[in-house]
Amino acid sequence: MTEESAVRELPRTARGARTRARLVEAARTVFERDGFLDARLADITGEAGTAAGSFYTYFASKEEIFSAVLDEVKEEMLHPQVRDVADGDDPVAVIEASNRAYLESYRRNAALMRLLDQVAAIDDTFREVRRERGLAFTQRNARSIRALQDRGLASPDVDAGLAATALSMMVSRTAYSAFVLGDDWDLDQLVETLTTLWVNALDIPRRLPAG
């Protein structure tokens, strides 16, 4: 992607916004159906019901519209595995709820996650996109772990950054195994097991101390 495409302005009219949104939705359908390499711009515009020339009003390339597809689901794909734990929260319950939300999000977007993994292997730009998304997970999780350590609810002997990296990768690769590779695991079993591993690794008490 060029610097020019990276800062392309969004449409200023409602009609333009609708056309762009149709193209992005169509692109996701085509990418998930045909893969990145075999997807053709003609197929995207055909799926969107727009003229072929309209594509270049909004996007400069197949890579740029793929980036737009990723942006459409960015917040859902970056759903924090562990949200910031406030005082009084049960950290085990928060970890469990966050793991479940992440796994459900991953399952909904499994085809796109598989595609991002493939494209990242052949395109340095999307490899960096993938790395930055993973970093967003670990940074959020590291903050949560440090907050638990400050409250005396997680082992102080654990490096928060390294623990967040390892635990985040454990959850994401397990999700990949289950929802992309097709390993036959029950969702509730995944949530329970991953939460237990999180809690045990950080030495989080199952019951909060009184007071």
C-alpha atoms as a PDB file:
ATOM      1  CA  MET A   1       0.000   0.000   0.000  1.00  0.00           C
ATOM      2  CA  THR A   2       1.299   3.454  -0.825  1.00  0.00           C
ATOM      3  CA  GLU A   3       1.422   6.399   1.517  1.00  0.00           C
ATOM      4  CA  GLU A   4      -1.254   8.060  -0.625  1.00  0.00           C
ATOM      5  CA  SER A   5      -3.660   5.118  -0.249  1.00  0.00           C
ATOM      6  CA  ALA A   6      -3.080   4.939   3.483  1.00  0.00           C
ATOM      7  CA  VAL A   7      -4.430   8.475   3.990  1.00  0.00           C
ATOM      8  CA  ARG A   8      -7.253   8.338   1.448  1.00  0.00           C
ATOM      9  CA  GLU A   9     -10.218  10.364   2.722  1.00  0.00           C
ATOM     10  CA  LEU A  10     -13.556   8.705   3.339  1.00  0.00           C
ATOM     11  CA  PRO A  11     -16.431   9.761   1.052  1.00  0.00           C
ATOM     12  CA  ARG A  12     -18.065  13.040   2.000  1.00  0.00           C
ATOM     13  CA  THR A  13     -21.516  12.223   0.621  1.00  0.00           C
ATOM     14  CA  ALA A  14     -24.030   9.682   1.875  1.00  0.00           C
ATOM     15  CA  ARG A  15     -24.166   8.098  -1.568  1.00  0.00           C
ATOM     16  CA  GLY A  16     -20.407   7.746  -1.686  1.00  0.00           C
ATOM     17  CA  ALA A  17     -20.346   6.238   1.795  1.00  0.00           C
ATOM     18  CA  ARG A  18     -22.986   3.674   0.775  1.00  0.00           C
ATOM     19  CA  THR A  19     -21.073   2.726  -2.359  1.00  0.00           C
ATOM     20  CA  ARG A  20     -17.828   2.327  -0.455  1.00  0.00           C
ATOM     21  CA  ALA A  21     -19.562   0.235   2.217  1.00  0.00           C
ATOM     22  CA  ARG A  22     -21.030  -2.051  -0.488  1.00  0.00           C
ATOM     23  CA  LEU A  23     -17.586  -2.526  -1.989  1.00  0.00           C
ATOM     24  CA  VAL A  24     -16.064  -3.411   1.389  1.00  0.00           C
ATOM     25  CA  GLU A  25     -18.858  -5.866   2.167  1.00  0.00           C
ATOM     26  CA  ALA A  26     -18.535  -7.413  -1.280  1.00  0.00           C
ATOM     27  CA  ALA A  27     -14.759  -7.630  -0.908  1.00  0.00           C
ATOM     28  CA  ARG A  28     -15.087  -9.566   2.311  1.00  0.00           C
ATOM     29  CA  THR A  29     -17.442 -12.030   0.607  1.00  0.00           C
ATOM     30  CA  VAL A  30     -15.075 -12.501  -2.331  1.00  0.00           C
ATOM     31  CA  PHE A  31     -11.910 -12.736  -0.220  1.00  0.00           C
ATOM     32  CA  GLU A  32     -13.432 -15.313   2.107  1.00  0.00           C
ATOM     33  CA  ARG A  33     -14.786 -17.309  -0.826  1.00  0.00           C
ATOM     34  CA  ASP A  34     -11.841 -17.165  -3.226  1.00  0.00           C
ATOM     35  CA  GLY A  35      -8.852 -16.270  -1.061  1.00  0.00           C
ATOM     36  CA  PHE A  36      -6.681 -13.198  -1.468  1.00  0.00           C
ATOM     37  CA  LEU A  37      -4.562 -14.285  -4.431  1.00  0.00           C
ATOM     38  CA  ASP A  38      -7.492 -15.513  -6.536  1.00  0.00           C
ATOM     39  CA  ALA A  39      -9.835 -12.638  -5.701  1.00  0.00           C
ATOM     40  CA  ARG A  40     -10.383 -10.321  -8.677  1.00  0.00           C
ATOM     41  CA  LEU A  41     -11.464  -6.708  -8.591  1.00  0.00           C
ATOM     42  CA  ALA A  42     -14.085  -7.509 -11.214  1.00  0.00           C
ATOM     43  CA  ASP A  43     -15.597 -10.075  -8.856  1.00  0.00           C
ATOM     44  CA  ILE A  44     -15.704  -7.503  -6.058  1.00  0.00           C
ATOM     45  CA  THR A  45     -17.430  -4.846  -8.138  1.00  0.00           C
ATOM     46  CA  GLY A  46     -19.793  -7.456  -9.546  1.00  0.00           C
ATOM     47  CA  GLU A  47     -20.695  -8.630  -6.040  1.00  0.00           C
ATOM     48  CA  ALA A  48     -21.234  -5.011  -4.990  1.00  0.00           C
ATOM     49  CA  GLY A  49     -23.322  -4.202  -8.048  1.00  0.00           C
ATOM     50  CA  THR A  50     -21.148  -1.242  -8.959  1.00  0.00           C
ATOM     51  CA  ALA A  51     -19.378  -0.233 -12.142  1.00  0.00           C
ATOM     52  CA  ALA A  52     -15.791  -1.403 -12.402  1.00  0.00           C
ATOM     53  CA  GLY A  53     -14.547   2.161 -12.651  1.00  0.00           C
ATOM     54  CA  SER A  54     -16.210   3.072  -9.369  1.00  0.00           C
ATOM     55  CA  PHE A  55     -13.740   0.918  -7.481  1.00  0.00           C
ATOM     56  CA  TYR A  56     -10.873   3.338  -8.099  1.00  0.00           C
ATOM     57  CA  THR A  57     -12.868   6.240  -6.714  1.00  0.00           C
ATOM     58  CA  TYR A  58     -12.521   4.650  -3.286  1.00  0.00           C
ATOM     59  CA  PHE A  59      -9.581   2.238  -3.443  1.00  0.00           C
ATOM     60  CA  ALA A  60      -6.297   2.091  -5.287  1.00  0.00           C
ATOM     61  CA  SER A  61      -5.706  -1.651  -5.148  1.00  0.00           C
ATOM     62  CA  LYS A  62      -6.802  -5.042  -3.912  1.00  0.00           C
ATOM     63  CA  GLU A  63      -4.452  -4.614  -0.959  1.00  0.00           C
ATOM     64  CA  GLU A  64      -6.123  -1.355   0.035  1.00  0.00           C
ATOM     65  CA  ILE A  65      -9.634  -2.776   0.037  1.00  0.00           C
ATOM     66  CA  PHE A  66      -8.422  -5.801   1.986  1.00  0.00           C
ATOM     67  CA  SER A  67      -7.083  -3.393   4.600  1.00  0.00           C
ATOM     68  CA  ALA A  68     -10.508  -1.718   4.654  1.00  0.00           C
ATOM     69  CA  VAL A  69     -12.146  -5.104   5.222  1.00  0.00           C
ATOM     70  CA  LEU A  70      -9.875  -5.665   8.213  1.00  0.00           C
ATOM     71  CA  ASP A  71     -10.700  -2.209   9.556  1.00  0.00           C
ATOM     72  CA  GLU A  72     -14.425  -3.012   9.405  1.00  0.00           C
ATOM     73  CA  VAL A  73     -13.984  -5.757  11.990  1.00  0.00           C
ATOM     74  CA  LYS A  74     -11.024  -4.233  13.804  1.00  0.00           C
ATOM     75  CA  GLU A  75     -12.746  -3.586  17.118  1.00  0.00           C
ATOM     76  CA  GLU A  76     -14.336  -7.016  17.209  1.00  0.00           C
ATOM     77  CA  MET A  77     -11.104  -8.766  16.229  1.00  0.00           C
ATOM     78  CA  LEU A  78      -9.244  -6.796  18.875  1.00  0.00           C
ATOM     79  CA  HIS A  79     -11.725  -7.609  21.619  1.00  0.00           C
ATOM     80  CA  PRO A  80      -9.517  -7.641  24.730  1.00  0.00           C
ATOM     81  CA  GLN A  81      -8.883 -11.085  26.138  1.00  0.00           C
ATOM     82  CA  VAL A  82      -8.746  -9.496  29.573  1.00  0.00           C
ATOM     83  CA  ARG A  83     -10.340  -6.097  30.048  1.00  0.00           C
ATOM     84  CA  ASP A  84      -9.027  -3.733  32.682  1.00  0.00           C
ATOM     85  CA  VAL A  85     -10.056  -5.172  36.050  1.00  0.00           C
ATOM     86  CA  ALA A  86     -11.526  -2.545  38.346  1.00  0.00           C
ATOM     87  CA  ASP A  87     -11.347  -2.630  42.144  1.00  0.00           C
ATOM     88  CA  GLY A  88     -14.004  -4.989  43.459  1.00  0.00           C
ATOM     89  CA  ASP A  89     -14.192  -7.042  40.261  1.00  0.00           C
ATOM     90  CA  ASP A  90     -13.708 -10.776  40.491  1.00  0.00           C
ATOM     91  CA  PRO A  91     -10.651 -11.200  38.232  1.00  0.00           C
ATOM     92  CA  VAL A  92     -11.451 -14.837  37.458  1.00  0.00           C
ATOM     93  CA  ALA A  93     -14.944 -13.904  36.262  1.00  0.00           C
ATOM     94  CA  VAL A  94     -13.521 -11.087  34.131  1.00  0.00           C
ATOM     95  CA  ILE A  95     -10.941 -13.393  32.545  1.00  0.00           C
ATOM     96  CA  GLU A  96     -13.596 -16.002  31.836  1.00  0.00           C
ATOM     97  CA  ALA A  97     -16.012 -13.504  30.278  1.00  0.00           C
ATOM     98  CA  SER A  98     -13.257 -11.924  28.195  1.00  0.00           C
ATOM     99  CA  ASN A  99     -11.967 -15.278  26.940  1.00  0.00           C
ATOM    100  CA  ARG A 100     -15.491 -16.259  25.929  1.00  0.00           C
ATOM    101  CA  ALA A 101     -16.067 -12.981  24.077  1.00  0.00           C
ATOM    102  CA  TYR A 102     -12.766 -13.336  22.252  1.00  0.00           C
ATOM    103  CA  LEU A 103     -13.414 -16.945  21.207  1.00  0.00           C
ATOM    104  CA  GLU A 104     -16.932 -16.137  20.004  1.00  0.00           C
ATOM    105  CA  SER A 105     -15.572 -13.190  18.011  1.00  0.00           C
ATOM    106  CA  TYR A 106     -12.831 -15.347  16.525  1.00  0.00           C
ATOM    107  CA  ARG A 107     -15.360 -18.015  15.532  1.00  0.00           C
ATOM    108  CA  ARG A 108     -17.511 -15.419  13.748  1.00  0.00           C
ATOM    109  CA  ASN A 109     -14.476 -14.093  11.875  1.00  0.00           C
ATOM    110  CA  ALA A 110     -12.546 -17.342  11.410  1.00  0.00           C
ATOM    111  CA  ALA A 111     -12.459 -17.157   7.622  1.00  0.00           C
ATOM    112  CA  LEU A 112     -11.045 -13.647   7.733  1.00  0.00           C
ATOM    113  CA  MET A 113      -8.523 -14.566  10.415  1.00  0.00           C
ATOM    114  CA  ARG A 114      -7.348 -17.464   8.278  1.00  0.00           C
ATOM    115  CA  LEU A 115      -7.002 -15.123   5.323  1.00  0.00           C
ATOM    116  CA  LEU A 116      -5.031 -12.544   7.300  1.00  0.00           C
ATOM    117  CA  ASP A 117      -2.626 -15.291   8.379  1.00  0.00           C
ATOM    118  CA  GLN A 118      -2.108 -16.314   4.751  1.00  0.00           C
ATOM    119  CA  VAL A 119      -1.632 -12.796   3.405  1.00  0.00           C
ATOM    120  CA  ALA A 120       0.742 -11.875   6.239  1.00  0.00           C
ATOM    121  CA  ALA A 121       2.984 -14.733   5.152  1.00  0.00           C
ATOM    122  CA  ILE A 122       3.510 -13.204   1.691  1.00  0.00           C
ATOM    123  CA  ASP A 123       3.074  -9.462   2.239  1.00  0.00           C
ATOM    124  CA  ASP A 124       5.266  -7.462   4.618  1.00  0.00           C
ATOM    125  CA  THR A 125       2.633  -4.748   5.037  1.00  0.00           C
ATOM    126  CA  PHE A 126       0.042  -7.183   6.327  1.00  0.00           C
ATOM    127  CA  ARG A 127       2.639  -9.005   8.384  1.00  0.00           C
ATOM    128  CA  GLU A 128       3.103  -5.718  10.222  1.00  0.00           C
ATOM    129  CA  VAL A 129      -0.688  -5.327  10.515  1.00  0.00           C
ATOM    130  CA  ARG A 130      -0.867  -8.775  12.075  1.00  0.00           C
ATOM    131  CA  ARG A 131       2.024  -7.990  14.424  1.00  0.00           C
ATOM    132  CA  GLU A 132       0.438  -4.719  15.543  1.00  0.00           C
ATOM    133  CA  ARG A 133      -2.888  -6.438  16.239  1.00  0.00           C
ATOM    134  CA  GLY A 134      -1.134  -9.032  18.355  1.00  0.00           C
ATOM    135  CA  LEU A 135       0.740  -6.276  20.163  1.00  0.00           C
ATOM    136  CA  ALA A 136      -2.548  -4.541  20.968  1.00  0.00           C
ATOM    137  CA  PHE A 137      -3.706  -7.711  22.726  1.00  0.00           C
ATOM    138  CA  THR A 138      -0.548  -8.120  24.754  1.00  0.00           C
ATOM    139  CA  GLN A 139      -0.348  -4.470  25.786  1.00  0.00           C
ATOM    140  CA  ARG A 140      -3.931  -4.514  27.080  1.00  0.00           C
ATOM    141  CA  ASN A 141      -3.373  -7.802  28.863  1.00  0.00           C
ATOM    142  CA  ALA A 142      -0.082  -6.618  30.378  1.00  0.00           C
ATOM    143  CA  ARG A 143      -1.845  -3.582  31.865  1.00  0.00           C
ATOM    144  CA  SER A 144      -4.473  -5.851  33.398  1.00  0.00           C
ATOM    145  CA  ILE A 145      -1.844  -8.195  34.833  1.00  0.00           C
ATOM    146  CA  ARG A 146       0.090  -5.281  36.359  1.00  0.00           C
ATOM    147  CA  ALA A 147      -3.140  -3.975  37.903  1.00  0.00           C
ATOM    148  CA  LEU A 148      -3.765  -7.382  39.461  1.00  0.00           C
ATOM    149  CA  GLN A 149      -0.193  -7.461  40.770  1.00  0.00           C
ATOM    150  CA  ASP A 150      -0.646  -4.014  42.295  1.00  0.00           C
ATOM    151  CA  ARG A 151      -3.738  -5.316  44.130  1.00  0.00           C
ATOM    152  CA  GLY A 152      -1.875  -8.386  45.355  1.00  0.00           C
ATOM    153  CA  LEU A 153      -4.060 -10.678  43.235  1.00  0.00           C
ATOM    154  CA  ALA A 154      -1.395 -11.959  40.822  1.00  0.00           C
ATOM    155  CA  SER A 155       2.100 -13.260  41.418  1.00  0.00           C
ATOM    156  CA  PRO A 156       4.618 -10.405  41.644  1.00  0.00           C
ATOM    157  CA  ASP A 157       7.326 -12.758  40.383  1.00  0.00           C
ATOM    158  CA  VAL A 158       5.815 -12.907  36.895  1.00  0.00           C
ATOM    159  CA  ASP A 159       6.948 -10.432  34.256  1.00  0.00           C
ATOM    160  CA  ALA A 160       3.657  -8.877  33.153  1.00  0.00           C
ATOM    161  CA  GLY A 161       4.740  -8.180  29.579  1.00  0.00           C
ATOM    162  CA  LEU A 162       6.156 -11.625  28.933  1.00  0.00           C
ATOM    163  CA  ALA A 163       3.224 -13.334  30.650  1.00  0.00           C
ATOM    164  CA  ALA A 164       0.762 -11.320  28.561  1.00  0.00           C
ATOM    165  CA  THR A 165       2.595 -12.318  25.382  1.00  0.00           C
ATOM    166  CA  ALA A 166       2.614 -16.017  26.239  1.00  0.00           C
ATOM    167  CA  LEU A 167      -0.971 -16.171  27.489  1.00  0.00           C
ATOM    168  CA  SER A 168      -2.348 -14.109  24.599  1.00  0.00           C
ATOM    169  CA  MET A 169      -0.596 -16.349  22.089  1.00  0.00           C
ATOM    170  CA  MET A 170      -1.962 -19.410  23.867  1.00  0.00           C
ATOM    171  CA  VAL A 171      -5.527 -18.177  23.479  1.00  0.00           C
ATOM    172  CA  SER A 172      -5.167 -16.958  19.892  1.00  0.00           C
ATOM    173  CA  ARG A 173      -3.457 -20.116  18.640  1.00  0.00           C
ATOM    174  CA  THR A 174      -6.011 -22.278  20.420  1.00  0.00           C
ATOM    175  CA  ALA A 175      -8.742 -20.276  18.674  1.00  0.00           C
ATOM    176  CA  TYR A 176      -6.947 -20.787  15.355  1.00  0.00           C
ATOM    177  CA  SER A 177      -6.726 -24.524  15.988  1.00  0.00           C
ATOM    178  CA  ALA A 178     -10.400 -24.771  16.877  1.00  0.00           C
ATOM    179  CA  PHE A 179     -12.028 -22.447  14.357  1.00  0.00           C
ATOM    180  CA  VAL A 180      -9.635 -22.448  11.400  1.00  0.00           C
ATOM    181  CA  LEU A 181      -8.051 -25.900  11.507  1.00  0.00           C
ATOM    182  CA  GLY A 182     -11.260 -27.462  12.757  1.00  0.00           C
ATOM    183  CA  ASP A 183     -10.159 -29.198  15.956  1.00  0.00           C
ATOM    184  CA  ASP A 184     -13.305 -30.475  17.637  1.00  0.00           C
ATOM    185  CA  TRP A 185     -13.422 -28.651  20.963  1.00  0.00           C
ATOM    186  CA  ASP A 186     -16.562 -27.511  22.732  1.00  0.00           C
ATOM    187  CA  LEU A 187     -16.680 -23.742  23.292  1.00  0.00           C
ATOM    188  CA  ASP A 188     -17.476 -24.059  26.996  1.00  0.00           C
ATOM    189  CA  GLN A 189     -14.580 -26.480  27.412  1.00  0.00           C
ATOM    190  CA  LEU A 190     -12.239 -24.058  25.661  1.00  0.00           C
ATOM    191  CA  VAL A 191     -13.333 -21.180  27.864  1.00  0.00           C
ATOM    192  CA  GLU A 192     -13.004 -23.187  31.068  1.00  0.00           C
ATOM    193  CA  THR A 193      -9.591 -24.628  30.198  1.00  0.00           C
ATOM    194  CA  LEU A 194      -8.045 -21.389  28.947  1.00  0.00           C
ATOM    195  CA  THR A 195      -9.349 -19.495  31.960  1.00  0.00           C
ATOM    196  CA  THR A 196      -7.904 -22.114  34.320  1.00  0.00           C
ATOM    197  CA  LEU A 197      -4.516 -21.823  32.605  1.00  0.00           C
ATOM    198  CA  TRP A 198      -4.619 -18.007  32.855  1.00  0.00           C
ATOM    199  CA  VAL A 199      -5.526 -18.127  36.541  1.00  0.00           C
ATOM    200  CA  ASN A 200      -2.964 -20.783  37.431  1.00  0.00           C
ATOM    201  CA  ALA A 201      -0.159 -19.108  35.490  1.00  0.00           C
ATOM    202  CA  LEU A 202      -0.680 -15.838  37.356  1.00  0.00           C
ATOM    203  CA  ASP A 203      -1.446 -17.501  40.714  1.00  0.00           C
ATOM    204  CA  ILE A 204      -4.755 -15.634  40.971  1.00  0.00           C
ATOM    205  CA  PRO A 205      -6.895 -16.711  43.937  1.00  0.00           C
ATOM    206  CA  ARG A 206     -10.219 -18.306  43.038  1.00  0.00           C
ATOM    207  CA  ARG A 207     -11.807 -16.449  45.924  1.00  0.00           C
ATOM    208  CA  LEU A 208     -10.971 -12.862  46.738  1.00  0.00           C
ATOM    209  CA  PRO A 209      -9.649 -12.183  50.239  1.00  0.00           C
ATOM    210  CA  ALA A 210     -12.195 -10.677  52.600  1.00  0.00           C
ATOM    211  CA  GLY A 211     -12.028  -7.032  53.483  1.00  0.00           C
END
